């Protein structure tokens, strides 16, 4: 895990640490098994307010040779994405301080972030159905929670080609 300001340095962030920090970065220098995403290290921003989801995705992606930038709030997301230059963004639609669809629109309006693939991971199934056209126009992939971890890896692999 790489320090981002006052962020914890322990190799496995606890739920309390994830709750108490808006941002956290995790990566690993050696893979624990063969990566389904290939050999190139991918940079992935994960924006979700659920500590268990953040922890699970971070551990999964660490084993896949990824550098993970986690964020539990939606405010200032475009700036966060610009600073970390990810290959993929994983975004929840339902954040306590921001609307995920508005974040997606801001990402698509900004010249520096519009081409970054976005994977929407959300339990807001009705909202996804109601906004499917907007999500498709924004070229966002959609994974409805709960989903199989392999589905997330496949979506990342497809997004990064």
Foldseek 3Di string as FASTA:
>chain_A
DDDDPPQDDDQQDDLVSPQVDQKDKHADDDAPDAAPQDDDEFEEEEEAQHSVVVRVVRVVSNNNGYIYMYGDADPPVLVVCLVRVGQEYEYEQDHPHDGRLVSLVVQCVDPSRQLREYEYEYQPVVVCVVCVVVCVVSVHHYDYPPDDVVVVSVVSNVSND
